[in-house]
Amino acid sequence: MQLSDIDYQLPIKLIAQTPIEPRDSARLLVDQGAQLPLDQHVHDLCDFLMPYDVIVLNHTRVLPARLRARRSTGGAVEILLLNQINNDSCAWEAMIKPGGKLHDGEILSVNQSEMSVEVGERTIHGDTFAIKLLASNVLAELLRVGEVPLPPYITETLQDSERYQTVFSHDQRSAAAPTAGLHFTHELLQRIRDLGVRILEVELVVGLDTFKPISEDDPLKHLIHSEAYSVSQEVLTICVEARASGGRIVAVGTTATRALESAATTGLLSGNTTLYITPGYQWKLVDVMMTNFHMPKTTLLLMIESFIGKRWRSLYQHAMDKKYRMLSFGDAMLLHRHTDTV
């Protein structure tokens, strides 16, 4: 496989800079396999669900995970918290920029805060550090001085930080939002329940691979970052029983998908997943995926190709021809794994 296999030309003007209102007025491209896709809206989602289906959401909430700090020399650095280490609220894997001259044991002072950061060794990935947050109440300080870390391709200021949170979010741990979930309103969730569709929650703490394109010429050689996940036994049981009854598992977002498939593949209900879903992966649970459009050359596109094959290209081209809004604040698509491929 070559990196060009998951590359495409993304027009900058189609990258959504602000969220649409109301949330469920975003467009929804509905995959129909060999047939032309349907141009719908997220508020039409109920038209494509059946009573025995199960919808699975990732309930993770975005932490104000960007910190501005200074070295003892006075040089400014930016810290992006990615993943807790061993569920310790003080210990994190983090990106630090610029980080070329940082050394193990160096102390950084967080701007406008009594909190400081002890820099540890570089991780196995080479571009991140193990760090320790030093404060009497780390979470309180993060909430006070941290910034919500919008993706780098969003350059406009977000007026309401809650628009980068889902309406069902809780447990503030992620470096980025599970963006497919941003389209749901409380009213849409209730209409889904009224159909008889079960709505379940899992957690996957969104980390570095949301931001980082693949750099390997062969994307299968990419070293994927681990992300913490949790899927309850109840959720797993309901999903298995629903499929046995003819229902489908509809995962909202690649993160909910990765959590479900990690639990089903490893047999572990929680932990840190390094599951790398690429073409040829044997799917265990997810039948339908609702997801936003993704950056070129990313692991997320590899997952999409594994799910529906190379027809993702025609779907993306259709979306760009129809001026869909792309990426985190953009529109969504509904993908059906069992639909005939093209």
C-alpha atoms as a PDB file:
ATOM      1  CA  MET A   1       0.000   0.000   0.000  1.00  0.00           C
ATOM      2  CA  GLN A   2       1.178   3.540  -0.761  1.00  0.00           C
ATOM      3  CA  LEU A   3       0.456   6.832   0.973  1.00  0.00           C
ATOM      4  CA  SER A   4      -1.134   8.083  -2.247  1.00  0.00           C
ATOM      5  CA  ASP A   5      -3.872   5.463  -1.744  1.00  0.00           C
ATOM      6  CA  ILE A   6      -5.300   7.590   1.075  1.00  0.00           C
ATOM      7  CA  ASP A   7      -4.559  11.005  -0.387  1.00  0.00           C
ATOM      8  CA  TYR A   8      -6.950  13.402  -2.106  1.00  0.00           C
ATOM      9  CA  GLN A   9      -7.081  17.100  -2.963  1.00  0.00           C
ATOM     10  CA  LEU A  10      -8.996  18.931  -0.246  1.00  0.00           C
ATOM     11  CA  PRO A  11     -10.003  22.478  -1.266  1.00  0.00           C
ATOM     12  CA  ILE A  12      -9.129  24.817   1.597  1.00  0.00           C
ATOM     13  CA  LYS A  13     -12.330  26.792   1.022  1.00  0.00           C
ATOM     14  CA  LEU A  14     -14.392  23.715   1.955  1.00  0.00           C
ATOM     15  CA  ILE A  15     -12.816  23.349   5.413  1.00  0.00           C
ATOM     16  CA  ALA A  16     -15.538  24.499   7.820  1.00  0.00           C
ATOM     17  CA  GLN A  17     -14.263  27.178  10.186  1.00  0.00           C
ATOM     18  CA  THR A  18     -17.356  27.515  12.359  1.00  0.00           C
ATOM     19  CA  PRO A  19     -20.047  25.078  13.503  1.00  0.00           C
ATOM     20  CA  ILE A  20     -23.426  25.200  11.807  1.00  0.00           C
ATOM     21  CA  GLU A  21     -26.632  26.054  13.681  1.00  0.00           C
ATOM     22  CA  PRO A  22     -28.661  24.188  14.656  1.00  0.00           C
ATOM     23  CA  ARG A  23     -26.353  21.233  15.089  1.00  0.00           C
ATOM     24  CA  ASP A  24     -28.541  18.747  13.213  1.00  0.00           C
ATOM     25  CA  SER A  25     -28.944  20.997  10.167  1.00  0.00           C
ATOM     26  CA  ALA A  26     -25.564  19.750   8.915  1.00  0.00           C
ATOM     27  CA  ARG A  27     -25.735  17.821   5.665  1.00  0.00           C
ATOM     28  CA  LEU A  28     -25.604  14.024   5.675  1.00  0.00           C
ATOM     29  CA  LEU A  29     -24.251  12.109   2.683  1.00  0.00           C
ATOM     30  CA  VAL A  30     -25.900   8.669   2.742  1.00  0.00           C
ATOM     31  CA  ASP A  31     -23.853   5.864   1.195  1.00  0.00           C
ATOM     32  CA  GLN A  32     -25.808   3.524  -1.100  1.00  0.00           C
ATOM     33  CA  GLY A  33     -22.967   1.425  -2.444  1.00  0.00           C
ATOM     34  CA  ALA A  34     -23.100   1.101  -6.244  1.00  0.00           C
ATOM     35  CA  GLN A  35     -26.016   3.532  -6.415  1.00  0.00           C
ATOM     36  CA  LEU A  36     -25.594   7.281  -6.199  1.00  0.00           C
ATOM     37  CA  PRO A  37     -25.423   8.571  -2.605  1.00  0.00           C
ATOM     38  CA  LEU A  38     -28.305  10.548  -1.126  1.00  0.00           C
ATOM     39  CA  ASP A  39     -27.920  14.177  -0.086  1.00  0.00           C
ATOM     40  CA  GLN A  40     -29.776  14.508   3.205  1.00  0.00           C
ATOM     41  CA  HIS A  41     -29.382  16.281   6.553  1.00  0.00           C
ATOM     42  CA  VAL A  42     -28.513  14.968   9.986  1.00  0.00           C
ATOM     43  CA  HIS A  43     -32.062  15.679  11.189  1.00  0.00           C
ATOM     44  CA  ASP A  44     -33.168  13.066   8.603  1.00  0.00           C
ATOM     45  CA  LEU A  45     -31.145  10.339  10.348  1.00  0.00           C
ATOM     46  CA  CYS A  46     -34.254   8.601  11.726  1.00  0.00           C
ATOM     47  CA  ASP A  47     -35.304   7.795   8.146  1.00  0.00           C
ATOM     48  CA  PHE A  48     -32.295   5.462   7.886  1.00  0.00           C
ATOM     49  CA  LEU A  49     -32.663   3.663  11.214  1.00  0.00           C
ATOM     50  CA  MET A  50     -34.655   0.561  12.136  1.00  0.00           C
ATOM     51  CA  PRO A  51     -36.234  -0.307  15.520  1.00  0.00           C
ATOM     52  CA  TYR A  52     -33.739  -3.079  16.357  1.00  0.00           C
ATOM     53  CA  ASP A  53     -30.708  -0.921  15.599  1.00  0.00           C
ATOM     54  CA  VAL A  54     -28.361   0.269  18.327  1.00  0.00           C
ATOM     55  CA  ILE A  55     -26.595   3.639  18.193  1.00  0.00           C
ATOM     56  CA  VAL A  56     -23.283   3.926  20.039  1.00  0.00           C
ATOM     57  CA  LEU A  57     -21.889   7.323  21.069  1.00  0.00           C
ATOM     58  CA  ASN A  58     -18.480   8.284  22.439  1.00  0.00           C
ATOM     59  CA  HIS A  59     -19.241  10.335  25.537  1.00  0.00           C
ATOM     60  CA  THR A  60     -15.737  11.747  26.030  1.00  0.00           C
ATOM     61  CA  ARG A  61     -15.480  15.464  26.754  1.00  0.00           C
ATOM     62  CA  VAL A  62     -12.688  17.747  25.541  1.00  0.00           C
ATOM     63  CA  LEU A  63     -10.289  18.908  28.215  1.00  0.00           C
ATOM     64  CA  PRO A  64      -8.790  22.422  28.012  1.00  0.00           C
ATOM     65  CA  ALA A  65      -5.627  20.594  27.068  1.00  0.00           C
ATOM     66  CA  ARG A  66      -3.510  23.367  25.506  1.00  0.00           C
ATOM     67  CA  LEU A  67      -1.178  25.152  27.913  1.00  0.00           C
ATOM     68  CA  ARG A  68       1.051  28.167  27.286  1.00  0.00           C
ATOM     69  CA  ALA A  69       4.296  27.941  29.236  1.00  0.00           C
ATOM     70  CA  ARG A  70       7.852  29.220  29.443  1.00  0.00           C
ATOM     71  CA  ARG A  71      11.261  27.656  29.883  1.00  0.00           C
ATOM     72  CA  SER A  72      13.635  28.926  32.576  1.00  0.00           C
ATOM     73  CA  THR A  73      15.434  30.772  29.771  1.00  0.00           C
ATOM     74  CA  GLY A  74      12.223  32.692  29.029  1.00  0.00           C
ATOM     75  CA  GLY A  75      11.450  30.919  25.769  1.00  0.00           C
ATOM     76  CA  ALA A  76       7.755  30.338  25.083  1.00  0.00           C
ATOM     77  CA  VAL A  77       6.452  26.806  24.512  1.00  0.00           C
ATOM     78  CA  GLU A  78       3.040  25.344  23.828  1.00  0.00           C
ATOM     79  CA  ILE A  79       1.979  22.081  25.482  1.00  0.00           C
ATOM     80  CA  LEU A  80      -0.801  19.852  24.170  1.00  0.00           C
ATOM     81  CA  LEU A  81      -1.898  17.132  26.570  1.00  0.00           C
ATOM     82  CA  LEU A  82      -2.766  13.954  24.682  1.00  0.00           C
ATOM     83  CA  ASN A  83      -3.200  10.914  26.902  1.00  0.00           C
ATOM     84  CA  GLN A  84      -3.106  10.264  30.620  1.00  0.00           C
ATOM     85  CA  ILE A  85      -0.453   7.757  31.628  1.00  0.00           C
ATOM     86  CA  ASN A  86      -1.743   4.952  33.873  1.00  0.00           C
ATOM     87  CA  ASN A  87      -4.917   6.949  34.622  1.00  0.00           C
ATOM     88  CA  ASP A  88      -2.828   9.424  36.618  1.00  0.00           C
ATOM     89  CA  SER A  89      -4.244  12.944  36.268  1.00  0.00           C
ATOM     90  CA  CYS A  90      -0.736  14.350  36.790  1.00  0.00           C
ATOM     91  CA  ALA A  91       1.081  12.127  34.271  1.00  0.00           C
ATOM     92  CA  TRP A  92       0.545  12.716  30.546  1.00  0.00           C
ATOM     93  CA  GLU A  93       1.896  12.093  27.093  1.00  0.00           C
ATOM     94  CA  ALA A  94       2.142  15.519  25.491  1.00  0.00           C
ATOM     95  CA  MET A  95       3.300  17.378  22.413  1.00  0.00           C
ATOM     96  CA  ILE A  96       5.546  20.346  23.209  1.00  0.00           C
ATOM     97  CA  LYS A  97       6.457  22.931  20.589  1.00  0.00           C
ATOM     98  CA  PRO A  98       9.199  23.900  20.129  1.00  0.00           C
ATOM     99  CA  GLY A  99      10.605  20.810  21.794  1.00  0.00           C
ATOM    100  CA  GLY A 100      13.949  20.262  20.112  1.00  0.00           C
ATOM    101  CA  LYS A 101      16.056  21.644  22.967  1.00  0.00           C
ATOM    102  CA  LEU A 102      14.035  20.338  25.913  1.00  0.00           C
ATOM    103  CA  HIS A 103      15.787  17.927  28.248  1.00  0.00           C
ATOM    104  CA  ASP A 104      14.684  15.301  30.748  1.00  0.00           C
ATOM    105  CA  GLY A 105      13.905  16.902  34.128  1.00  0.00           C
ATOM    106  CA  GLU A 106      13.420  20.437  32.815  1.00  0.00           C
ATOM    107  CA  ILE A 107      10.715  22.468  34.579  1.00  0.00           C
ATOM    108  CA  LEU A 108       8.341  24.663  32.551  1.00  0.00           C
ATOM    109  CA  SER A 109       6.232  27.407  34.144  1.00  0.00           C
ATOM    110  CA  VAL A 110       2.622  27.561  32.957  1.00  0.00           C
ATOM    111  CA  ASN A 111       1.540  31.123  32.168  1.00  0.00           C
ATOM    112  CA  GLN A 112      -0.771  32.817  34.698  1.00  0.00           C
ATOM    113  CA  SER A 113      -0.743  29.745  36.898  1.00  0.00           C
ATOM    114  CA  GLU A 114       1.025  28.260  39.895  1.00  0.00           C
ATOM    115  CA  MET A 115       1.186  24.981  37.969  1.00  0.00           C
ATOM    116  CA  SER A 116       4.469  23.845  36.462  1.00  0.00           C
ATOM    117  CA  VAL A 117       5.393  20.999  34.131  1.00  0.00           C
ATOM    118  CA  GLU A 118       8.239  18.555  34.597  1.00  0.00           C
ATOM    119  CA  VAL A 119       9.485  17.310  31.237  1.00  0.00           C
ATOM    120  CA  GLY A 120      10.340  13.611  31.054  1.00  0.00           C
ATOM    121  CA  GLU A 121      11.782  11.421  28.349  1.00  0.00           C
ATOM    122  CA  ARG A 122      10.585  11.334  24.766  1.00  0.00           C
ATOM    123  CA  THR A 123       8.101   8.557  24.108  1.00  0.00           C
ATOM    124  CA  ILE A 124       8.517   5.712  21.651  1.00  0.00           C
ATOM    125  CA  HIS A 125       6.874   7.908  18.994  1.00  0.00           C
ATOM    126  CA  GLY A 126       9.710  10.426  19.133  1.00  0.00           C
ATOM    127  CA  ASP A 127       7.547  13.525  18.780  1.00  0.00           C
ATOM    128  CA  THR A 128       5.900  13.463  22.212  1.00  0.00           C
ATOM    129  CA  PHE A 129       7.112  13.590  25.818  1.00  0.00           C
ATOM    130  CA  ALA A 130       6.107  11.985  29.078  1.00  0.00           C
ATOM    131  CA  ILE A 131       5.416  14.905  31.398  1.00  0.00           C
ATOM    132  CA  LYS A 132       4.192  15.484  34.939  1.00  0.00           C
ATOM    133  CA  LEU A 133       1.863  18.301  35.942  1.00  0.00           C
ATOM    134  CA  LEU A 134       2.818  19.830  39.288  1.00  0.00           C
ATOM    135  CA  ALA A 135       0.012  21.574  41.173  1.00  0.00           C
ATOM    136  CA  SER A 136      -2.049  21.096  44.325  1.00  0.00           C
ATOM    137  CA  ASN A 137      -5.180  20.630  42.182  1.00  0.00           C
ATOM    138  CA  VAL A 138      -4.252  19.762  38.609  1.00  0.00           C
ATOM    139  CA  LEU A 139      -7.782  19.548  37.178  1.00  0.00           C
ATOM    140  CA  ALA A 140      -8.833  22.881  38.693  1.00  0.00           C
ATOM    141  CA  GLU A 141      -5.766  24.583  37.214  1.00  0.00           C
ATOM    142  CA  LEU A 142      -6.339  23.008  33.799  1.00  0.00           C
ATOM    143  CA  LEU A 143      -9.928  24.225  33.789  1.00  0.00           C
ATOM    144  CA  ARG A 144      -8.784  27.696  34.846  1.00  0.00           C
ATOM    145  CA  VAL A 145      -5.864  28.350  32.474  1.00  0.00           C
ATOM    146  CA  GLY A 146      -6.071  25.659  29.790  1.00  0.00           C
ATOM    147  CA  GLU A 147      -7.427  26.320  26.302  1.00  0.00           C
ATOM    148  CA  VAL A 148      -9.659  24.067  24.221  1.00  0.00           C
ATOM    149  CA  PRO A 149      -7.304  22.746  21.519  1.00  0.00           C
ATOM    150  CA  LEU A 150      -9.057  23.245  18.208  1.00  0.00           C
ATOM    151  CA  PRO A 151      -7.489  21.423  15.246  1.00  0.00           C
ATOM    152  CA  PRO A 152      -4.777  23.460  13.463  1.00  0.00           C
ATOM    153  CA  TYR A 153      -6.857  23.805  10.278  1.00  0.00           C
ATOM    154  CA  ILE A 154      -9.474  25.836  12.183  1.00  0.00           C
ATOM    155  CA  THR A 155      -8.136  29.368  12.264  1.00  0.00           C
ATOM    156  CA  GLU A 156     -11.219  31.331  13.343  1.00  0.00           C
ATOM    157  CA  THR A 157     -11.943  31.942  17.014  1.00  0.00           C
ATOM    158  CA  LEU A 158     -14.693  29.773  18.454  1.00  0.00           C
ATOM    159  CA  GLN A 159     -17.184  32.051  20.168  1.00  0.00           C
ATOM    160  CA  ASP A 160     -18.813  29.339  22.289  1.00  0.00           C
ATOM    161  CA  SER A 161     -16.477  26.584  23.517  1.00  0.00           C
ATOM    162  CA  GLU A 162     -19.481  24.291  24.110  1.00  0.00           C
ATOM    163  CA  ARG A 163     -19.855  23.979  20.342  1.00  0.00           C
ATOM    164  CA  TYR A 164     -16.704  21.858  20.390  1.00  0.00           C
ATOM    165  CA  GLN A 165     -18.400  19.540  22.882  1.00  0.00           C
ATOM    166  CA  THR A 166     -21.194  17.055  22.208  1.00  0.00           C
ATOM    167  CA  VAL A 167     -24.481  17.581  24.061  1.00  0.00           C
ATOM    168  CA  PHE A 168     -24.037  14.173  25.719  1.00  0.00           C
ATOM    169  CA  SER A 169     -20.380  14.593  26.762  1.00  0.00           C
ATOM    170  CA  HIS A 170     -18.993  13.913  30.211  1.00  0.00           C
ATOM    171  CA  ASP A 171     -15.649  12.862  31.713  1.00  0.00           C
ATOM    172  CA  GLN A 172     -13.257  15.582  30.577  1.00  0.00           C
ATOM    173  CA  ARG A 173     -10.205  13.717  29.223  1.00  0.00           C
ATOM    174  CA  SER A 174      -9.770  14.201  25.463  1.00  0.00           C
ATOM    175  CA  ALA A 175      -7.505  16.398  23.352  1.00  0.00           C
ATOM    176  CA  ALA A 176     -10.135  16.631  20.606  1.00  0.00           C
ATOM    177  CA  ALA A 177     -13.877  16.167  20.172  1.00  0.00           C
ATOM    178  CA  PRO A 178     -15.503  13.060  18.691  1.00  0.00           C
ATOM    179  CA  THR A 179     -16.700  15.290  15.894  1.00  0.00           C
ATOM    180  CA  ALA A 180     -19.452  13.140  14.366  1.00  0.00           C
ATOM    181  CA  GLY A 181     -21.261  13.484  17.690  1.00  0.00           C
ATOM    182  CA  LEU A 182     -21.275  17.285  17.416  1.00  0.00           C
ATOM    183  CA  HIS A 183     -24.279  17.026  15.067  1.00  0.00           C
ATOM    184  CA  PHE A 184     -26.675  15.591  17.642  1.00  0.00           C
ATOM    185  CA  THR A 185     -29.232  17.627  19.576  1.00  0.00           C
ATOM    186  CA  HIS A 186     -31.253  16.466  22.580  1.00  0.00           C
ATOM    187  CA  GLU A 187     -34.344  16.568  20.367  1.00  0.00           C
ATOM    188  CA  LEU A 188     -32.776  14.316  17.710  1.00  0.00           C
ATOM    189  CA  LEU A 189     -31.648  11.846  20.371  1.00  0.00           C
ATOM    190  CA  GLN A 190     -35.205  11.697  21.709  1.00  0.00           C
ATOM    191  CA  ARG A 191     -36.659  11.086  18.249  1.00  0.00           C
ATOM    192  CA  ILE A 192     -34.196   8.218  17.829  1.00  0.00           C
ATOM    193  CA  ARG A 193     -35.307   6.713  21.140  1.00  0.00           C
ATOM    194  CA  ASP A 194     -38.942   7.116  20.112  1.00  0.00           C
ATOM    195  CA  LEU A 195     -38.211   4.829  17.148  1.00  0.00           C
ATOM    196  CA  GLY A 196     -37.241   2.076  19.560  1.00  0.00           C
ATOM    197  CA  VAL A 197     -33.539   2.435  18.810  1.00  0.00           C
ATOM    198  CA  ARG A 198     -31.268   1.914  21.819  1.00  0.00           C
ATOM    199  CA  ILE A 199     -28.661   4.621  22.448  1.00  0.00           C
ATOM    200  CA  LEU A 200     -25.532   3.414  24.237  1.00  0.00           C
ATOM    201  CA  GLU A 201     -22.302   5.096  25.309  1.00  0.00           C
ATOM    202  CA  VAL A 202     -18.655   4.084  25.220  1.00  0.00           C
ATOM    203  CA  GLU A 203     -15.501   6.082  25.848  1.00  0.00           C
ATOM    204  CA  LEU A 204     -12.431   6.571  23.730  1.00  0.00           C
ATOM    205  CA  VAL A 205     -10.067   9.339  24.761  1.00  0.00           C
ATOM    206  CA  VAL A 206      -9.236  11.120  21.507  1.00  0.00           C
ATOM    207  CA  GLY A 207      -5.496  11.554  21.085  1.00  0.00           C
ATOM    208  CA  LEU A 208      -2.664  12.376  18.708  1.00  0.00           C
ATOM    209  CA  ASP A 209      -3.715  10.522  15.573  1.00  0.00           C
ATOM    210  CA  THR A 210      -6.610  12.954  15.190  1.00  0.00           C
ATOM    211  CA  PHE A 211      -4.010  15.658  14.455  1.00  0.00           C
ATOM    212  CA  LYS A 212      -1.153  13.765  12.859  1.00  0.00           C
ATOM    213  CA  PRO A 213      -1.023  12.740   9.175  1.00  0.00           C
ATOM    214  CA  ILE A 214       0.832   9.566   8.256  1.00  0.00           C
ATOM    215  CA  SER A 215       4.392  10.223   7.084  1.00  0.00           C
ATOM    216  CA  GLU A 216       5.463   6.678   6.128  1.00  0.00           C
ATOM    217  CA  ASP A 217       5.523   5.938   2.401  1.00  0.00           C
ATOM    218  CA  ASP A 218       3.760   2.681   3.258  1.00  0.00           C
ATOM    219  CA  PRO A 219       0.940   3.688   5.650  1.00  0.00           C
ATOM    220  CA  LEU A 220       0.755   0.130   6.996  1.00  0.00           C
ATOM    221  CA  LYS A 221       4.162   0.774   8.622  1.00  0.00           C
ATOM    222  CA  HIS A 222       2.786   3.747  10.560  1.00  0.00           C
ATOM    223  CA  LEU A 223       3.122   3.443  14.348  1.00  0.00           C
ATOM    224  CA  ILE A 224      -0.336   4.324  15.625  1.00  0.00           C
ATOM    225  CA  HIS A 225      -0.654   6.028  19.006  1.00  0.00           C
ATOM    226  CA  SER A 226      -2.570   4.302  21.770  1.00  0.00           C
ATOM    227  CA  GLU A 227      -5.821   5.734  23.108  1.00  0.00           C
ATOM    228  CA  ALA A 228      -7.618   4.846  26.330  1.00  0.00           C
ATOM    229  CA  TYR A 229     -11.017   3.229  25.864  1.00  0.00           C
ATOM    230  CA  SER A 230     -13.804   1.719  27.929  1.00  0.00           C
ATOM    231  CA  VAL A 231     -16.761  -0.413  26.815  1.00  0.00           C
ATOM    232  CA  SER A 232     -19.035  -1.880  29.476  1.00  0.00           C
ATOM    233  CA  GLN A 233     -20.057  -5.529  29.412  1.00  0.00           C
ATOM    234  CA  GLU A 234     -23.669  -4.356  29.191  1.00  0.00           C
ATOM    235  CA  VAL A 235     -22.961  -2.397  26.003  1.00  0.00           C
ATOM    236  CA  LEU A 236     -21.140  -5.314  24.435  1.00  0.00           C
ATOM    237  CA  THR A 237     -23.927  -7.739  25.338  1.00  0.00           C
ATOM    238  CA  ILE A 238     -26.661  -5.469  23.979  1.00  0.00           C
ATOM    239  CA  CYS A 239     -24.739  -5.039  20.718  1.00  0.00           C
ATOM    240  CA  VAL A 240     -24.293  -8.787  20.249  1.00  0.00           C
ATOM    241  CA  GLU A 241     -27.975  -9.467  21.049  1.00  0.00           C
ATOM    242  CA  ALA A 242     -29.148  -6.681  18.719  1.00  0.00           C
ATOM    243  CA  ARG A 243     -27.202  -8.127  15.796  1.00  0.00           C
ATOM    244  CA  ALA A 244     -28.575 -11.596  16.544  1.00  0.00           C
ATOM    245  CA  SER A 245     -32.091 -10.091  16.328  1.00  0.00           C
ATOM    246  CA  GLY A 246     -31.437  -8.513  12.941  1.00  0.00           C
ATOM    247  CA  GLY A 247     -30.468  -5.080  14.206  1.00  0.00           C
ATOM    248  CA  ARG A 248     -27.397  -3.119  13.196  1.00  0.00           C
ATOM    249  CA  ILE A 249     -24.705  -1.468  15.284  1.00  0.00           C
ATOM    250  CA  VAL A 250     -24.499   2.176  14.230  1.00  0.00           C
ATOM    251  CA  ALA A 251     -21.308   3.745  15.563  1.00  0.00           C
ATOM    252  CA  VAL A 252     -21.217   7.538  15.700  1.00  0.00           C
ATOM    253  CA  GLY A 253     -17.676   8.436  14.738  1.00  0.00           C
ATOM    254  CA  THR A 254     -14.415   6.628  14.173  1.00  0.00           C
ATOM    255  CA  THR A 255     -13.683   6.868  17.909  1.00  0.00           C
ATOM    256  CA  ALA A 256     -16.795   4.954  18.990  1.00  0.00           C
ATOM    257  CA  THR A 257     -15.965   2.518  16.200  1.00  0.00           C
ATOM    258  CA  ARG A 258     -12.414   1.999  17.469  1.00  0.00           C
ATOM    259  CA  ALA A 259     -13.634   1.480  21.044  1.00  0.00           C
ATOM    260  CA  LEU A 260     -16.192  -1.157  20.034  1.00  0.00           C
ATOM    261  CA  GLU A 261     -13.857  -2.999  17.711  1.00  0.00           C
ATOM    262  CA  SER A 262     -11.037  -2.895  20.273  1.00  0.00           C
ATOM    263  CA  ALA A 263     -13.230  -4.546  22.894  1.00  0.00           C
ATOM    264  CA  ALA A 264     -14.523  -7.137  20.421  1.00  0.00           C
ATOM    265  CA  THR A 265     -11.065  -7.899  19.006  1.00  0.00           C
ATOM    266  CA  THR A 266      -9.059  -8.097  22.227  1.00  0.00           C
ATOM    267  CA  GLY A 267     -11.739  -9.309  24.624  1.00  0.00           C
ATOM    268  CA  LEU A 268     -10.695  -6.510  27.002  1.00  0.00           C
ATOM    269  CA  LEU A 269     -13.406  -4.070  28.046  1.00  0.00           C
ATOM    270  CA  SER A 270     -10.981  -1.259  28.834  1.00  0.00           C
ATOM    271  CA  GLY A 271      -7.350  -0.299  28.531  1.00  0.00           C
ATOM    272  CA  ASN A 272      -5.164   1.409  25.957  1.00  0.00           C
ATOM    273  CA  THR A 273      -5.857   0.363  22.397  1.00  0.00           C
ATOM    274  CA  THR A 274      -3.319   0.288  19.600  1.00  0.00           C
ATOM    275  CA  LEU A 275      -5.799  -1.327  17.217  1.00  0.00           C
ATOM    276  CA  TYR A 276      -4.869  -0.157  13.713  1.00  0.00           C
ATOM    277  CA  ILE A 277      -7.842  -0.720  11.417  1.00  0.00           C
ATOM    278  CA  THR A 278      -6.632  -1.020   7.832  1.00  0.00           C
ATOM    279  CA  PRO A 279      -7.920  -2.728   4.664  1.00  0.00           C
ATOM    280  CA  GLY A 280      -8.245  -6.445   5.334  1.00  0.00           C
ATOM    281  CA  TYR A 281      -9.333  -6.003   8.945  1.00  0.00           C
ATOM    282  CA  GLN A 282     -12.074  -8.454   9.963  1.00  0.00           C
ATOM    283  CA  TRP A 283     -14.905  -6.360  11.364  1.00  0.00           C
ATOM    284  CA  LYS A 284     -16.530  -7.717  14.512  1.00  0.00           C
ATOM    285  CA  LEU A 285     -19.381  -5.400  15.528  1.00  0.00           C
ATOM    286  CA  VAL A 286     -19.929  -2.169  13.613  1.00  0.00           C
ATOM    287  CA  ASP A 287     -22.331  -2.340  10.649  1.00  0.00           C
ATOM    288  CA  VAL A 288     -23.004   1.350  10.000  1.00  0.00           C
ATOM    289  CA  MET A 289     -20.763   4.313  10.704  1.00  0.00           C
ATOM    290  CA  MET A 290     -21.730   7.964  10.868  1.00  0.00           C
ATOM    291  CA  THR A 291     -18.614  10.041  10.491  1.00  0.00           C
ATOM    292  CA  ASN A 292     -17.354  13.431   9.393  1.00  0.00           C
ATOM    293  CA  PHE A 293     -15.001  13.875   6.435  1.00  0.00           C
ATOM    294  CA  HIS A 294     -11.337  13.395   7.286  1.00  0.00           C
ATOM    295  CA  MET A 295      -7.982  14.888   6.405  1.00  0.00           C
ATOM    296  CA  PRO A 296      -5.948  13.259   3.626  1.00  0.00           C
ATOM    297  CA  LYS A 297      -3.201  10.779   4.555  1.00  0.00           C
ATOM    298  CA  THR A 298      -4.661   9.876   7.957  1.00  0.00           C
ATOM    299  CA  THR A 299      -5.341   6.642   9.810  1.00  0.00           C
ATOM    300  CA  LEU A 300      -9.018   7.589   9.778  1.00  0.00           C
ATOM    301  CA  LEU A 301      -9.151   7.298   5.989  1.00  0.00           C
ATOM    302  CA  LEU A 302      -7.542   3.876   6.260  1.00  0.00           C
ATOM    303  CA  MET A 303     -10.339   2.865   8.618  1.00  0.00           C
ATOM    304  CA  ILE A 304     -12.942   4.185   6.174  1.00  0.00           C
ATOM    305  CA  GLU A 305     -11.381   2.216   3.294  1.00  0.00           C
ATOM    306  CA  SER A 306     -11.380  -0.894   5.450  1.00  0.00           C
ATOM    307  CA  PHE A 307     -15.075  -0.302   6.153  1.00  0.00           C
ATOM    308  CA  ILE A 308     -16.447   0.399   2.655  1.00  0.00           C
ATOM    309  CA  GLY A 309     -13.580  -0.156   0.261  1.00  0.00           C
ATOM    310  CA  LYS A 310     -12.303   2.291  -2.310  1.00  0.00           C
ATOM    311  CA  ARG A 311     -15.713   3.797  -2.942  1.00  0.00           C
ATOM    312  CA  TRP A 312     -14.820   6.356  -0.279  1.00  0.00           C
ATOM    313  CA  ARG A 313     -13.133   8.242  -3.122  1.00  0.00           C
ATOM    314  CA  SER A 314     -16.345   8.620  -5.110  1.00  0.00           C
ATOM    315  CA  LEU A 315     -18.211   9.651  -1.953  1.00  0.00           C
ATOM    316  CA  TYR A 316     -15.612  12.286  -1.130  1.00  0.00           C
ATOM    317  CA  GLN A 317     -15.629  13.539  -4.701  1.00  0.00           C
ATOM    318  CA  HIS A 318     -19.418  13.776  -4.654  1.00  0.00           C
ATOM    319  CA  ALA A 319     -19.240  15.712  -1.392  1.00  0.00           C
ATOM    320  CA  MET A 320     -16.683  18.160  -2.750  1.00  0.00           C
ATOM    321  CA  ASP A 321     -18.622  18.604  -6.002  1.00  0.00           C
ATOM    322  CA  LYS A 322     -21.718  19.399  -3.923  1.00  0.00           C
ATOM    323  CA  LYS A 323     -19.748  21.797  -1.685  1.00  0.00           C
ATOM    324  CA  TYR A 324     -20.143  19.843   1.532  1.00  0.00           C
ATOM    325  CA  ARG A 325     -18.402  21.409   4.526  1.00  0.00           C
ATOM    326  CA  MET A 326     -15.360  19.337   5.479  1.00  0.00           C
ATOM    327  CA  LEU A 327     -13.518  18.195   8.621  1.00  0.00           C
ATOM    328  CA  SER A 328     -14.305  18.805  12.318  1.00  0.00           C
ATOM    329  CA  PHE A 329     -16.999  21.490  12.010  1.00  0.00           C
ATOM    330  CA  GLY A 330     -18.181  20.149   8.672  1.00  0.00           C
ATOM    331  CA  ASP A 331     -20.914  17.827   7.444  1.00  0.00           C
ATOM    332  CA  ALA A 332     -21.230  14.072   7.903  1.00  0.00           C
ATOM    333  CA  MET A 333     -21.793  10.872   5.998  1.00  0.00           C
ATOM    334  CA  LEU A 334     -23.562   7.617   6.797  1.00  0.00           C
ATOM    335  CA  LEU A 335     -21.603   4.573   5.647  1.00  0.00           C
ATOM    336  CA  HIS A 336     -23.017   1.047   5.282  1.00  0.00           C
ATOM    337  CA  ARG A 337     -20.436  -1.722   5.506  1.00  0.00           C
ATOM    338  CA  HIS A 338     -22.693  -4.458   4.076  1.00  0.00           C
ATOM    339  CA  THR A 339     -23.758  -2.479   1.017  1.00  0.00           C
ATOM    340  CA  ASP A 340     -22.367  -3.780  -2.286  1.00  0.00           C
ATOM    341  CA  THR A 341     -18.984  -2.260  -3.071  1.00  0.00           C
ATOM    342  CA  VAL A 342     -18.035  -0.514  -6.301  1.00  0.00           C
END
